[in-house]
C-alpha atoms as a PDB file:
ATOM      1  CA  MET A   1     -17.613   5.259  -8.822  1.00  0.00           C
ATOM      2  CA  ARG A   2     -16.353   7.744  -6.230  1.00  0.00           C
ATOM      3  CA  ILE A   3     -12.743   8.920  -5.980  1.00  0.00           C
ATOM      4  CA  LEU A   4     -11.472  10.263  -2.667  1.00  0.00           C
ATOM      5  CA  ARG A   5      -8.419  12.512  -2.959  1.00  0.00           C
ATOM      6  CA  GLY A   6      -6.148  14.074  -0.383  1.00  0.00           C
ATOM      7  CA  ARG A   7      -5.028  13.476   3.183  1.00  0.00           C
ATOM      8  CA  ARG A   8      -6.417  14.636   6.511  1.00  0.00           C
ATOM      9  CA  ALA A   9      -4.249  16.550   8.979  1.00  0.00           C
ATOM     10  CA  THR A  10      -3.650  13.708  11.455  1.00  0.00           C
ATOM     11  CA  ILE A  11      -3.054   9.976  11.221  1.00  0.00           C
ATOM     12  CA  GLU A  12      -6.321   9.080  12.948  1.00  0.00           C
ATOM     13  CA  ALA A  13      -8.438  11.546  10.957  1.00  0.00           C
ATOM     14  CA  ASP A  14      -6.886  10.192   7.781  1.00  0.00           C
ATOM     15  CA  ARG A  15      -7.646   6.608   8.790  1.00  0.00           C
ATOM     16  CA  GLU A  16     -11.295   7.555   9.188  1.00  0.00           C
ATOM     17  CA  ILE A  17     -11.364   8.516   5.507  1.00  0.00           C
ATOM     18  CA  SER A  18     -10.113   5.069   4.551  1.00  0.00           C
ATOM     19  CA  ARG A  19     -12.788   3.451   6.723  1.00  0.00           C
ATOM     20  CA  ARG A  20     -15.396   5.418   4.787  1.00  0.00           C
ATOM     21  CA  LEU A  21     -14.542   3.431   1.686  1.00  0.00           C
ATOM     22  CA  LEU A  22     -16.289   0.353   3.063  1.00  0.00           C
ATOM     23  CA  SER A  23     -19.349   2.403   4.035  1.00  0.00           C
ATOM     24  CA  ILE A  24     -19.558   3.865   0.540  1.00  0.00           C
ATOM     25  CA  ALA A  25     -19.305   0.392  -0.974  1.00  0.00           C
ATOM     26  CA  ALA A  26     -21.894  -1.002   1.440  1.00  0.00           C
ATOM     27  CA  ASP A  27     -24.290   1.647   0.135  1.00  0.00           C
ATOM     28  CA  GLY A  28     -23.826   0.306  -3.389  1.00  0.00           C
ATOM     29  CA  GLU A  29     -21.095   2.527  -4.859  1.00  0.00           C
ATOM     30  CA  CYS A  30     -17.507   1.579  -5.715  1.00  0.00           C
ATOM     31  CA  ALA A  31     -14.805   3.827  -4.282  1.00  0.00           C
ATOM     32  CA  VAL A  32     -11.099   4.374  -4.969  1.00  0.00           C
ATOM     33  CA  ARG A  33      -8.453   6.194  -2.976  1.00  0.00           C
ATOM     34  CA  VAL A  34      -4.749   6.638  -3.786  1.00  0.00           C
ATOM     35  CA  TRP A  35      -2.859   8.834  -1.323  1.00  0.00           C
ATOM     36  CA  THR A  36       0.275   9.480   0.724  1.00  0.00           C
ATOM     37  CA  PRO A  37      -0.292   8.356   4.333  1.00  0.00           C
ATOM     38  CA  HIS A  38       1.399  10.195   7.169  1.00  0.00           C
ATOM     39  CA  ARG A  39       4.797   8.969   8.296  1.00  0.00           C
ATOM     40  CA  GLN A  40       4.124   5.838  10.333  1.00  0.00           C
ATOM     41  CA  ILE A  41       4.634   2.132  10.868  1.00  0.00           C
ATOM     42  CA  ALA A  42       1.372   0.271  10.333  1.00  0.00           C
ATOM     43  CA  PHE A  43       1.499  -2.990  12.291  1.00  0.00           C
ATOM     44  CA  GLY A  44      -0.653  -5.968  11.441  1.00  0.00           C
ATOM     45  CA  ARG A  45      -2.904  -7.720  13.906  1.00  0.00           C
ATOM     46  CA  ARG A  46      -0.531 -10.674  14.162  1.00  0.00           C
ATOM     47  CA  ASP A  47       2.319  -8.372  15.178  1.00  0.00           C
ATOM     48  CA  ARG A  48       0.699  -7.305  18.427  1.00  0.00           C
ATOM     49  CA  GLN A  49       0.520 -10.942  19.560  1.00  0.00           C
ATOM     50  CA  LEU A  50       4.316 -11.247  19.521  1.00  0.00           C
ATOM     51  CA  GLU A  51       6.513 -10.815  22.568  1.00  0.00           C
ATOM     52  CA  GLY A  52       8.595  -8.090  20.918  1.00  0.00           C
ATOM     53  CA  TYR A  53       5.663  -5.907  19.866  1.00  0.00           C
ATOM     54  CA  ASP A  54       6.159  -3.198  22.486  1.00  0.00           C
ATOM     55  CA  ARG A  55       9.875  -3.050  21.706  1.00  0.00           C
ATOM     56  CA  ALA A  56       9.125  -2.834  17.976  1.00  0.00           C
ATOM     57  CA  ARG A  57       6.803   0.128  18.566  1.00  0.00           C
ATOM     58  CA  GLU A  58       9.455   1.806  20.700  1.00  0.00           C
ATOM     59  CA  LEU A  59      12.088   1.397  17.975  1.00  0.00           C
ATOM     60  CA  ALA A  60       9.684   2.726  15.355  1.00  0.00           C
ATOM     61  CA  ARG A  61       8.975   5.778  17.505  1.00  0.00           C
ATOM     62  CA  ASP A  62      12.686   6.344  18.135  1.00  0.00           C
ATOM     63  CA  GLY A  63      13.190   6.279  14.377  1.00  0.00           C
ATOM     64  CA  GLY A  64      10.560   8.968  13.876  1.00  0.00           C
ATOM     65  CA  PHE A  65       7.764   6.619  12.799  1.00  0.00           C
ATOM     66  CA  PRO A  66       4.591   6.703  14.950  1.00  0.00           C
ATOM     67  CA  SER A  67       2.919   3.302  15.156  1.00  0.00           C
ATOM     68  CA  VAL A  68      -0.662   2.299  14.319  1.00  0.00           C
ATOM     69  CA  GLU A  69      -2.499  -1.003  13.948  1.00  0.00           C
ATOM     70  CA  ARG A  70      -4.082  -1.553  10.556  1.00  0.00           C
ATOM     71  CA  ASP A  71      -7.244  -3.416   9.622  1.00  0.00           C
ATOM     72  CA  VAL A  72      -6.032  -4.844   6.299  1.00  0.00           C
ATOM     73  CA  GLY A  73      -2.930  -6.914   5.689  1.00  0.00           C
ATOM     74  CA  GLY A  74      -0.375  -8.944   7.589  1.00  0.00           C
ATOM     75  CA  ARG A  75       2.947  -7.724   8.959  1.00  0.00           C
ATOM     76  CA  ALA A  76       4.340  -4.226   9.484  1.00  0.00           C
ATOM     77  CA  VAL A  77       4.576  -1.698   6.643  1.00  0.00           C
ATOM     78  CA  ALA A  78       6.453   1.625   6.718  1.00  0.00           C
ATOM     79  CA  TYR A  79       5.276   4.906   5.206  1.00  0.00           C
ATOM     80  CA  ASP A  80       7.700   7.820   4.986  1.00  0.00           C
ATOM     81  CA  GLY A  81       4.976  10.474   4.741  1.00  0.00           C
ATOM     82  CA  GLU A  82       6.261  11.811   1.425  1.00  0.00           C
ATOM     83  CA  THR A  83       6.878   9.149  -1.216  1.00  0.00           C
ATOM     84  CA  THR A  84       5.187   5.953  -0.010  1.00  0.00           C
ATOM     85  CA  LEU A  85       1.740   5.589  -1.541  1.00  0.00           C
ATOM     86  CA  ALA A  86      -1.281   3.648  -0.368  1.00  0.00           C
ATOM     87  CA  PHE A  87      -4.204   2.622  -2.530  1.00  0.00           C
ATOM     88  CA  ALA A  88      -7.613   1.099  -1.886  1.00  0.00           C
ATOM     89  CA  ARG A  89     -10.553   0.017  -4.019  1.00  0.00           C
ATOM     90  CA  ALA A  90     -13.855  -0.832  -2.313  1.00  0.00           C
ATOM     91  CA  GLU A  91     -16.871  -2.431  -3.921  1.00  0.00           C
ATOM     92  CA  PRO A  92     -20.261  -3.814  -2.873  1.00  0.00           C
ATOM     93  CA  VAL A  93     -20.524  -7.510  -2.044  1.00  0.00           C
ATOM     94  CA  THR A  94     -23.629  -9.649  -2.377  1.00  0.00           C
ATOM     95  CA  ASP A  95     -22.018 -12.911  -1.217  1.00  0.00           C
ATOM     96  CA  PHE A  96     -18.933 -12.521   0.987  1.00  0.00           C
ATOM     97  CA  ARG A  97     -17.990 -16.147   0.332  1.00  0.00           C
ATOM     98  CA  ARG A  98     -17.339 -15.464  -3.352  1.00  0.00           C
ATOM     99  CA  GLY A  99     -15.149 -13.179  -5.406  1.00  0.00           C
ATOM    100  CA  THR A 100     -12.018 -12.914  -3.253  1.00  0.00           C
ATOM    101  CA  ASP A 101      -9.628 -14.245  -5.895  1.00  0.00           C
ATOM    102  CA  GLU A 102     -11.289 -12.165  -8.615  1.00  0.00           C
ATOM    103  CA  ARG A 103     -10.904  -8.964  -6.602  1.00  0.00           C
ATOM    104  CA  TYR A 104      -7.251  -9.718  -5.952  1.00  0.00           C
ATOM    105  CA  GLU A 105      -6.692 -10.352  -9.648  1.00  0.00           C
ATOM    106  CA  ARG A 106      -8.403  -7.133 -10.740  1.00  0.00           C
ATOM    107  CA  ALA A 107      -6.413  -5.046  -8.289  1.00  0.00           C
ATOM    108  CA  THR A 108      -3.086  -6.713  -9.064  1.00  0.00           C
ATOM    109  CA  ALA A 109      -3.621  -6.344 -12.803  1.00  0.00           C
ATOM    110  CA  ALA A 110      -4.557  -2.683 -12.337  1.00  0.00           C
ATOM    111  CA  VAL A 111      -1.381  -1.944 -10.359  1.00  0.00           C
ATOM    112  CA  GLU A 112       0.718  -3.796 -12.917  1.00  0.00           C
ATOM    113  CA  ARG A 113      -0.907  -1.774 -15.673  1.00  0.00           C
ATOM    114  CA  ALA A 114      -0.279   1.480 -13.840  1.00  0.00           C
ATOM    115  CA  LEU A 115       3.406   0.761 -13.240  1.00  0.00           C
ATOM    116  CA  THR A 116       4.076  -0.339 -16.806  1.00  0.00           C
ATOM    117  CA  THR A 117       2.504   2.846 -18.211  1.00  0.00           C
ATOM    118  CA  LEU A 118       5.006   5.063 -16.363  1.00  0.00           C
ATOM    119  CA  GLU A 119       7.655   6.628 -18.562  1.00  0.00           C
ATOM    120  CA  SER A 120      10.344   4.638 -16.836  1.00  0.00           C
ATOM    121  CA  GLY A 121      10.573   1.229 -18.433  1.00  0.00           C
ATOM    122  CA  LEU A 122       9.373  -0.421 -15.215  1.00  0.00           C
ATOM    123  CA  GLU A 123       8.575  -4.128 -15.532  1.00  0.00           C
ATOM    124  CA  PRO A 124       6.958  -5.460 -12.342  1.00  0.00           C
ATOM    125  CA  VAL A 125       6.763  -9.194 -11.751  1.00  0.00           C
ATOM    126  CA  ARG A 126       4.369 -11.068  -9.504  1.00  0.00           C
ATOM    127  CA  GLY A 127       5.822 -12.504  -6.342  1.00  0.00           C
ATOM    128  CA  GLU A 128       8.363 -11.377  -3.768  1.00  0.00           C
ATOM    129  CA  PRO A 129      11.853 -12.239  -2.524  1.00  0.00           C
ATOM    130  CA  ASP A 130      12.395 -14.297   0.600  1.00  0.00           C
ATOM    131  CA  ASP A 131      12.085 -12.525   3.950  1.00  0.00           C
ATOM    132  CA  SER A 132      10.392  -9.443   2.511  1.00  0.00           C
ATOM    133  CA  PHE A 133       8.329  -6.894   4.445  1.00  0.00           C
ATOM    134  CA  CYS A 134       4.687  -7.838   4.990  1.00  0.00           C
ATOM    135  CA  PRO A 135       5.081 -11.179   3.194  1.00  0.00           C
ATOM    136  CA  GLY A 136       2.061 -12.360   1.261  1.00  0.00           C
ATOM    137  CA  ALA A 137       0.779 -14.095  -1.839  1.00  0.00           C
ATOM    138  CA  HIS A 138      -0.155 -10.878  -3.632  1.00  0.00           C
ATOM    139  CA  SER A 139       2.971  -8.825  -4.178  1.00  0.00           C
ATOM    140  CA  LEU A 140       4.801  -7.149  -7.040  1.00  0.00           C
ATOM    141  CA  SER A 141       8.561  -6.891  -7.326  1.00  0.00           C
ATOM    142  CA  VAL A 142      11.194  -5.611  -9.727  1.00  0.00           C
ATOM    143  CA  THR A 143      14.567  -6.954 -10.740  1.00  0.00           C
ATOM    144  CA  ALA A 144      17.445  -4.815  -9.501  1.00  0.00           C
ATOM    145  CA  ALA A 145      20.646  -4.081 -11.390  1.00  0.00           C
ATOM    146  CA  ASP A 146      22.416  -6.904  -9.523  1.00  0.00           C
ATOM    147  CA  GLY A 147      19.750  -9.364 -10.636  1.00  0.00           C
ATOM    148  CA  GLY A 148      18.091  -9.641  -7.239  1.00  0.00           C
ATOM    149  CA  LEU A 149      14.356  -9.330  -6.700  1.00  0.00           C
ATOM    150  CA  ARG A 150      13.099  -6.283  -4.740  1.00  0.00           C
ATOM    151  CA  LYS A 151       9.539  -5.941  -3.443  1.00  0.00           C
ATOM    152  CA  ILE A 152       7.783  -2.659  -4.236  1.00  0.00           C
ATOM    153  CA  VAL A 153       4.057  -3.506  -3.817  1.00  0.00           C
ATOM    154  CA  GLY A 154       2.064  -5.452  -1.234  1.00  0.00           C
ATOM    155  CA  ILE A 155      -1.683  -6.088  -1.607  1.00  0.00           C
ATOM    156  CA  ALA A 156      -4.240  -7.280   0.957  1.00  0.00           C
ATOM    157  CA  GLN A 157      -8.014  -7.585   1.213  1.00  0.00           C
ATOM    158  CA  ARG A 158     -10.730  -7.148   3.810  1.00  0.00           C
ATOM    159  CA  VAL A 159     -14.203  -8.604   3.246  1.00  0.00           C
ATOM    160  CA  ARG A 160     -17.428  -7.906   5.104  1.00  0.00           C
ATOM    161  CA  GLN A 161     -20.872  -9.272   4.378  1.00  0.00           C
ATOM    162  CA  ASP A 162     -21.831  -6.173   2.406  1.00  0.00           C
ATOM    163  CA  ALA A 163     -18.537  -4.797   1.067  1.00  0.00           C
ATOM    164  CA  ALA A 164     -14.905  -5.586   0.348  1.00  0.00           C
ATOM    165  CA  VAL A 165     -11.779  -3.462   0.027  1.00  0.00           C
ATOM    166  CA  VAL A 166      -8.543  -4.414  -1.691  1.00  0.00           C
ATOM    167  CA  ALA A 167      -5.723  -2.203  -0.457  1.00  0.00           C
ATOM    168  CA  GLY A 168      -1.995  -1.980  -0.807  1.00  0.00           C
ATOM    169  CA  THR A 169       1.256  -0.082  -0.582  1.00  0.00           C
ATOM    170  CA  VAL A 170       3.615   1.159  -3.297  1.00  0.00           C
ATOM    171  CA  LEU A 171       7.160   2.173  -2.348  1.00  0.00           C
ATOM    172  CA  VAL A 172       8.091   4.984  -4.724  1.00  0.00           C
ATOM    173  CA  ALA A 173      11.373   6.292  -3.263  1.00  0.00           C
ATOM    174  CA  ASN A 174      13.462   6.760  -0.075  1.00  0.00           C
ATOM    175  CA  ARG A 175      14.403   3.107   0.135  1.00  0.00           C
ATOM    176  CA  ASP A 176      17.188   3.360   2.746  1.00  0.00           C
ATOM    177  CA  PRO A 177      15.234   4.883   5.678  1.00  0.00           C
ATOM    178  CA  LEU A 178      12.315   2.533   5.043  1.00  0.00           C
ATOM    179  CA  ALA A 179      14.559  -0.535   4.969  1.00  0.00           C
ATOM    180  CA  ALA A 180      16.388   0.630   8.115  1.00  0.00           C
ATOM    181  CA  VAL A 181      13.307   1.118  10.280  1.00  0.00           C
ATOM    182  CA  LEU A 182      11.753  -2.107   9.014  1.00  0.00           C
ATOM    183  CA  GLU A 183      14.943  -3.975   9.909  1.00  0.00           C
ATOM    184  CA  ASP A 184      14.703  -2.666  13.476  1.00  0.00           C
ATOM    185  CA  VAL A 185      10.990  -3.453  13.760  1.00  0.00           C
ATOM    186  CA  TYR A 186      11.127  -6.947  12.298  1.00  0.00           C
ATOM    187  CA  GLY A 187      14.184  -7.706  14.399  1.00  0.00           C
ATOM    188  CA  ALA A 188      12.291  -6.811  17.568  1.00  0.00           C
ATOM    189  CA  LEU A 189       9.356  -8.936  16.446  1.00  0.00           C
ATOM    190  CA  ALA A 190      11.722 -11.838  15.658  1.00  0.00           C
ATOM    191  CA  VAL A 191      10.167 -12.111  12.199  1.00  0.00           C
ATOM    192  CA  PRO A 192      12.564 -12.981   9.329  1.00  0.00           C
ATOM    193  CA  PHE A 193      13.376  -9.910   7.240  1.00  0.00           C
ATOM    194  CA  ASP A 194      16.059  -9.055   4.693  1.00  0.00           C
ATOM    195  CA  PRO A 195      16.509  -5.290   4.177  1.00  0.00           C
ATOM    196  CA  GLU A 196      17.907  -6.036   0.718  1.00  0.00           C
ATOM    197  CA  SER A 197      14.443  -7.301  -0.267  1.00  0.00           C
ATOM    198  CA  VAL A 198      13.066  -3.733  -0.110  1.00  0.00           C
ATOM    199  CA  GLY A 199      12.769  -1.983  -3.446  1.00  0.00           C
ATOM    200  CA  THR A 200      11.288   1.245  -4.756  1.00  0.00           C
ATOM    201  CA  VAL A 201       9.966   2.455  -8.069  1.00  0.00           C
ATOM    202  CA  ALA A 202      12.747   5.051  -8.179  1.00  0.00           C
ATOM    203  CA  ASP A 203      15.516   2.476  -7.740  1.00  0.00           C
ATOM    204  CA  ALA A 204      14.083   0.335 -10.518  1.00  0.00           C
ATOM    205  CA  ASN A 205      13.434   3.302 -12.809  1.00  0.00           C
ATOM    206  CA  ALA A 206      15.604   3.318 -15.900  1.00  0.00           C
ATOM    207  CA  ASP A 207      15.969   7.119 -16.117  1.00  0.00           C
ATOM    208  CA  GLY A 208      15.319   8.220 -12.532  1.00  0.00           C
ATOM    209  CA  THR A 209      12.553  10.696 -13.351  1.00  0.00           C
ATOM    210  CA  VAL A 210       9.450   8.992 -11.945  1.00  0.00           C
ATOM    211  CA  SER A 211       7.787  10.834  -9.056  1.00  0.00           C
ATOM    212  CA  PRO A 212       4.991  10.142  -6.521  1.00  0.00           C
ATOM    213  CA  PRO A 213       2.500  12.312  -8.483  1.00  0.00           C
ATOM    214  CA  ASP A 214       3.213  10.256 -11.616  1.00  0.00           C
ATOM    215  CA  VAL A 215       2.615   7.002  -9.777  1.00  0.00           C
ATOM    216  CA  ARG A 216      -0.451   8.275  -7.901  1.00  0.00           C
ATOM    217  CA  SER A 217      -2.132   9.437 -11.089  1.00  0.00           C
ATOM    218  CA  ALA A 218      -1.363   6.197 -12.930  1.00  0.00           C
ATOM    219  CA  LEU A 219      -2.642   4.071 -10.034  1.00  0.00           C
ATOM    220  CA  GLU A 220      -5.868   6.031  -9.720  1.00  0.00           C
ATOM    221  CA  ASP A 221      -6.570   5.812 -13.459  1.00  0.00           C
ATOM    222  CA  ALA A 222      -5.937   2.072 -13.493  1.00  0.00           C
ATOM    223  CA  LEU A 223      -8.049   1.325 -10.405  1.00  0.00           C
ATOM    224  CA  VAL A 224     -10.969   3.419 -11.663  1.00  0.00           C
ATOM    225  CA  GLY A 225     -10.834   1.886 -15.137  1.00  0.00           C
ATOM    226  CA  HIS A 226     -13.377   2.782 -17.789  1.00  0.00           C
ATOM    227  CA  ARG A 227     -16.135   4.059 -15.518  1.00  0.00           C
ATOM    228  CA  ALA A 228     -18.638   6.451 -17.061  1.00  0.00           C
ATOM    229  CA  ASN A 229     -20.010   8.010 -13.868  1.00  0.00           C
ATOM    230  CA  VAL A 230     -17.173   9.163 -11.622  1.00  0.00           C
ATOM    231  CA  THR A 231     -17.434  11.612  -8.726  1.00  0.00           C
ATOM    232  CA  VAL A 232     -14.301  13.175  -7.222  1.00  0.00           C
ATOM    233  CA  GLU A 233     -14.362  14.188  -3.558  1.00  0.00           C
ATOM    234  CA  SER A 234     -11.571  16.156  -1.885  1.00  0.00           C
ATOM    235  CA  VAL A 235     -10.982  14.928   1.669  1.00  0.00           C
ATOM    236  CA  GLY A 236      -7.988  17.053   2.669  1.00  0.00           C
ATOM    237  CA  GLU A 237      -4.601  18.399   1.668  1.00  0.00           C
ATOM    238  CA  SER A 238      -2.899  16.897  -1.358  1.00  0.00           C
ATOM    239  CA  ARG A 239       0.639  15.558  -1.059  1.00  0.00           C
ATOM    240  CA  THR A 240       1.171  14.231  -4.588  1.00  0.00           C
ATOM    241  CA  GLU A 241      -0.779  16.466  -6.928  1.00  0.00           C
END
């Protein structure tokens, strides 16, 4: 198992590190990365097919969020550059037609385990509210004080013939600016979105003390699991250590 830690100086250089995960897995070694991506809106491939895509990118840029197109996942996701975490776990594949559900289950269970071990009383539930960001079948949410469901985790998967990566996003804090830019972007795309569906770990935290380093460390430990041979590789500056 190889752990990649840190963030490169630019968005594109940092994305190259994430692409390396599949190459590592294709060579027969599992790899895990949990990091803080640069401030950006990561659009899905379906987004660029919509009439409002150019307008959505313009609004994201005006809001201080550069836009990129991501390889894994569905609709747009926002990263604030400071508190929004991304995670990825890559592993070798011998038959790309098998194992998709099992990989989703392992990753989802690992993220659940990580969040419940935080000293915050967090109790994630599987599923998501209606009209949430990047809607999908593999999400985790929390119940807010008003009883409503708020999405805090989205998970997606990419499979090649020789490797697969399960990746996702965890919203730790700064809910309001994330919800605001996503409302603008989804509005331009004419995709249903309710800003009230956006949650964060901090908002759901019982005592308000959880931080991105806490969440990053818990996620990494859970995704690595009980591996005996683990190599740690620094790939750039650390934002959550």
